[in-house]
Amino acid sequence: LEVADNTGVVSASSGKSASSRRNKGRAPPRQETVARTLEQLSATDSKWQRLLRDPDGLFSASDVIDDTYEKYLGDIVDLMVQHDCSFKRAIELSTVSAEAASS
């Protein structure tokens, strides 16, 4: 498609909007993540109560946990259950596992 501007110059146009041409090759917009409180998570799965009962008292029921943090904490809570340990100990275990995997 050829288009003439107000000076009479003719240029080629693909028929696509300028914004669609600018966004070509870019990742789609990020979807909003769901954030829930630790209390809400523990109501759906009792394993999350381990964080609320942890002896170091690092977590409260009103702590907001987004999707990314939930995935990370889920791995840590699984270690807490598996090893019957505190949050801090589970962090240590996850670090040792990560170091061993990278060696």
C-alpha atoms as a PDB file:
ATOM      1  CA  LEU A   1       0.000   0.000   0.000  1.00  0.00           C
ATOM      2  CA  GLU A   2       1.407   3.400  -0.941  1.00  0.00           C
ATOM      3  CA  VAL A   3       0.459   6.500   1.010  1.00  0.00           C
ATOM      4  CA  ALA A   4       1.102  10.135   0.122  1.00  0.00           C
ATOM      5  CA  ASP A   5       1.749  12.586   2.904  1.00  0.00           C
ATOM      6  CA  ASN A   6       0.772  16.276   2.782  1.00  0.00           C
ATOM      7  CA  THR A   7       3.959  17.129   0.832  1.00  0.00           C
ATOM      8  CA  GLY A   8       3.057  14.728  -1.957  1.00  0.00           C
ATOM      9  CA  VAL A   9       5.829  12.240  -1.042  1.00  0.00           C
ATOM     10  CA  VAL A  10       4.720   8.640  -1.537  1.00  0.00           C
ATOM     11  CA  SER A  11       5.846   5.976   0.931  1.00  0.00           C
ATOM     12  CA  ALA A  12       5.104   2.309   1.395  1.00  0.00           C
ATOM     13  CA  SER A  13       2.881   1.256   4.279  1.00  0.00           C
ATOM     14  CA  SER A  14       2.157  -2.239   5.533  1.00  0.00           C
ATOM     15  CA  GLY A  15      -1.296  -1.271   6.705  1.00  0.00           C
ATOM     16  CA  LYS A  16      -0.360  -2.097  10.302  1.00  0.00           C
ATOM     17  CA  SER A  17      -0.683   0.477  13.027  1.00  0.00           C
ATOM     18  CA  ALA A  18       2.436   2.178  14.318  1.00  0.00           C
ATOM     19  CA  SER A  19       2.012   0.548  17.722  1.00  0.00           C
ATOM     20  CA  SER A  20       1.851  -2.957  16.247  1.00  0.00           C
ATOM     21  CA  ARG A  21       5.018  -2.275  14.273  1.00  0.00           C
ATOM     22  CA  ARG A  22       6.784  -0.967  17.411  1.00  0.00           C
ATOM     23  CA  ASN A  23       5.809  -4.037  19.476  1.00  0.00           C
ATOM     24  CA  LYS A  24       6.917  -6.571  16.876  1.00  0.00           C
ATOM     25  CA  GLY A  25       9.348  -9.027  18.429  1.00  0.00           C
ATOM     26  CA  ARG A  26       8.617  -7.975  22.004  1.00  0.00           C
ATOM     27  CA  ALA A  27       7.274 -10.251  24.686  1.00  0.00           C
ATOM     28  CA  PRO A  28       3.561  -9.978  25.375  1.00  0.00           C
ATOM     29  CA  PRO A  29       2.554  -7.773  28.297  1.00  0.00           C
ATOM     30  CA  ARG A  30       3.007  -9.437  31.683  1.00  0.00           C
ATOM     31  CA  GLN A  31      -0.087 -10.712  33.374  1.00  0.00           C
ATOM     32  CA  GLU A  32      -0.796  -9.424  36.840  1.00  0.00           C
ATOM     33  CA  THR A  33       0.289 -11.797  39.560  1.00  0.00           C
ATOM     34  CA  VAL A  34      -2.027 -12.941  42.293  1.00  0.00           C
ATOM     35  CA  ALA A  35      -0.929 -12.044  45.785  1.00  0.00           C
ATOM     36  CA  ARG A  36      -2.416 -13.688  48.853  1.00  0.00           C
ATOM     37  CA  THR A  37      -1.740 -13.459  52.533  1.00  0.00           C
ATOM     38  CA  LEU A  38       0.000 -16.259  54.348  1.00  0.00           C
ATOM     39  CA  GLU A  39      -3.239 -16.774  56.259  1.00  0.00           C
ATOM     40  CA  GLN A  40      -5.095 -17.374  52.964  1.00  0.00           C
ATOM     41  CA  LEU A  41      -2.439 -19.836  51.795  1.00  0.00           C
ATOM     42  CA  SER A  42      -2.530 -21.749  55.067  1.00  0.00           C
ATOM     43  CA  ALA A  43      -6.336 -21.976  54.851  1.00  0.00           C
ATOM     44  CA  THR A  44      -5.991 -23.860  51.539  1.00  0.00           C
ATOM     45  CA  ASP A  45      -2.982 -26.000  52.522  1.00  0.00           C
ATOM     46  CA  SER A  46      -1.886 -26.675  56.091  1.00  0.00           C
ATOM     47  CA  LYS A  47       1.806 -26.914  55.137  1.00  0.00           C
ATOM     48  CA  TRP A  48       1.915 -23.085  55.082  1.00  0.00           C
ATOM     49  CA  GLN A  49       1.117 -23.055  58.807  1.00  0.00           C
ATOM     50  CA  ARG A  50       4.711 -24.182  59.391  1.00  0.00           C
ATOM     51  CA  LEU A  51       5.817 -20.647  58.520  1.00  0.00           C
ATOM     52  CA  LEU A  52       3.323 -19.177  60.978  1.00  0.00           C
ATOM     53  CA  ARG A  53       4.490 -21.555  63.721  1.00  0.00           C
ATOM     54  CA  ASP A  54       8.215 -21.236  62.963  1.00  0.00           C
ATOM     55  CA  PRO A  55      10.166 -20.560  66.203  1.00  0.00           C
ATOM     56  CA  ASP A  56      12.038 -17.566  64.755  1.00  0.00           C
ATOM     57  CA  GLY A  57       8.747 -15.709  64.206  1.00  0.00           C
ATOM     58  CA  LEU A  58       9.742 -14.313  60.828  1.00  0.00           C
ATOM     59  CA  PHE A  59       6.253 -14.598  59.325  1.00  0.00           C
ATOM     60  CA  SER A  60       2.809 -13.315  60.224  1.00  0.00           C
ATOM     61  CA  ALA A  61      -0.649 -14.212  58.933  1.00  0.00           C
ATOM     62  CA  SER A  62      -0.928 -10.842  57.176  1.00  0.00           C
ATOM     63  CA  ASP A  63       2.278 -11.244  55.122  1.00  0.00           C
ATOM     64  CA  VAL A  64       1.464 -10.835  51.431  1.00  0.00           C
ATOM     65  CA  ILE A  65       2.924 -13.549  49.195  1.00  0.00           C
ATOM     66  CA  ASP A  66       2.974 -13.060  45.409  1.00  0.00           C
ATOM     67  CA  ASP A  67       3.201 -15.920  42.894  1.00  0.00           C
ATOM     68  CA  THR A  68       6.980 -15.830  42.533  1.00  0.00           C
ATOM     69  CA  TYR A  69       7.601 -15.714  46.274  1.00  0.00           C
ATOM     70  CA  GLU A  70       4.995 -18.438  46.797  1.00  0.00           C
ATOM     71  CA  LYS A  71       6.889 -20.774  44.477  1.00  0.00           C
ATOM     72  CA  TYR A  72      10.150 -20.108  46.308  1.00  0.00           C
ATOM     73  CA  LEU A  73       8.605 -20.421  49.764  1.00  0.00           C
ATOM     74  CA  GLY A  74       6.784 -23.573  48.670  1.00  0.00           C
ATOM     75  CA  ASP A  75      10.131 -25.241  48.013  1.00  0.00           C
ATOM     76  CA  ILE A  76      11.412 -24.101  51.402  1.00  0.00           C
ATOM     77  CA  VAL A  77       8.267 -25.274  53.202  1.00  0.00           C
ATOM     78  CA  ASP A  78       8.604 -28.657  51.494  1.00  0.00           C
ATOM     79  CA  LEU A  79      12.128 -28.906  52.943  1.00  0.00           C
ATOM     80  CA  MET A  80      10.776 -27.890  56.361  1.00  0.00           C
ATOM     81  CA  VAL A  81       8.268 -30.737  56.188  1.00  0.00           C
ATOM     82  CA  GLN A  82      10.734 -33.270  54.764  1.00  0.00           C
ATOM     83  CA  HIS A  83      13.431 -32.538  57.361  1.00  0.00           C
ATOM     84  CA  ASP A  84      11.119 -31.424  60.180  1.00  0.00           C
ATOM     85  CA  CYS A  85      13.180 -28.277  60.592  1.00  0.00           C
ATOM     86  CA  SER A  86      12.923 -24.509  60.990  1.00  0.00           C
ATOM     87  CA  PHE A  87      12.714 -21.991  58.173  1.00  0.00           C
ATOM     88  CA  LYS A  88      16.345 -20.947  58.655  1.00  0.00           C
ATOM     89  CA  ARG A  89      17.533 -24.566  58.536  1.00  0.00           C
ATOM     90  CA  ALA A  90      15.502 -25.186  55.369  1.00  0.00           C
ATOM     91  CA  ILE A  91      17.201 -22.164  53.768  1.00  0.00           C
ATOM     92  CA  GLU A  92      20.586 -23.658  54.694  1.00  0.00           C
ATOM     93  CA  LEU A  93      19.563 -27.007  53.197  1.00  0.00           C
ATOM     94  CA  SER A  94      18.376 -25.361  49.981  1.00  0.00           C
ATOM     95  CA  THR A  95      21.669 -23.478  49.669  1.00  0.00           C
ATOM     96  CA  VAL A  96      23.678 -26.670  50.128  1.00  0.00           C
ATOM     97  CA  SER A  97      21.511 -28.422  47.518  1.00  0.00           C
ATOM     98  CA  ALA A  98      21.955 -25.551  45.057  1.00  0.00           C
ATOM     99  CA  GLU A  99      25.739 -25.494  45.564  1.00  0.00           C
ATOM    100  CA  ALA A 100      25.970 -29.266  45.090  1.00  0.00           C
ATOM    101  CA  ALA A 101      23.884 -29.070  41.911  1.00  0.00           C
ATOM    102  CA  SER A 102      26.141 -26.367  40.431  1.00  0.00           C
ATOM    103  CA  SER A 103      29.374 -28.268  41.154  1.00  0.00           C
END
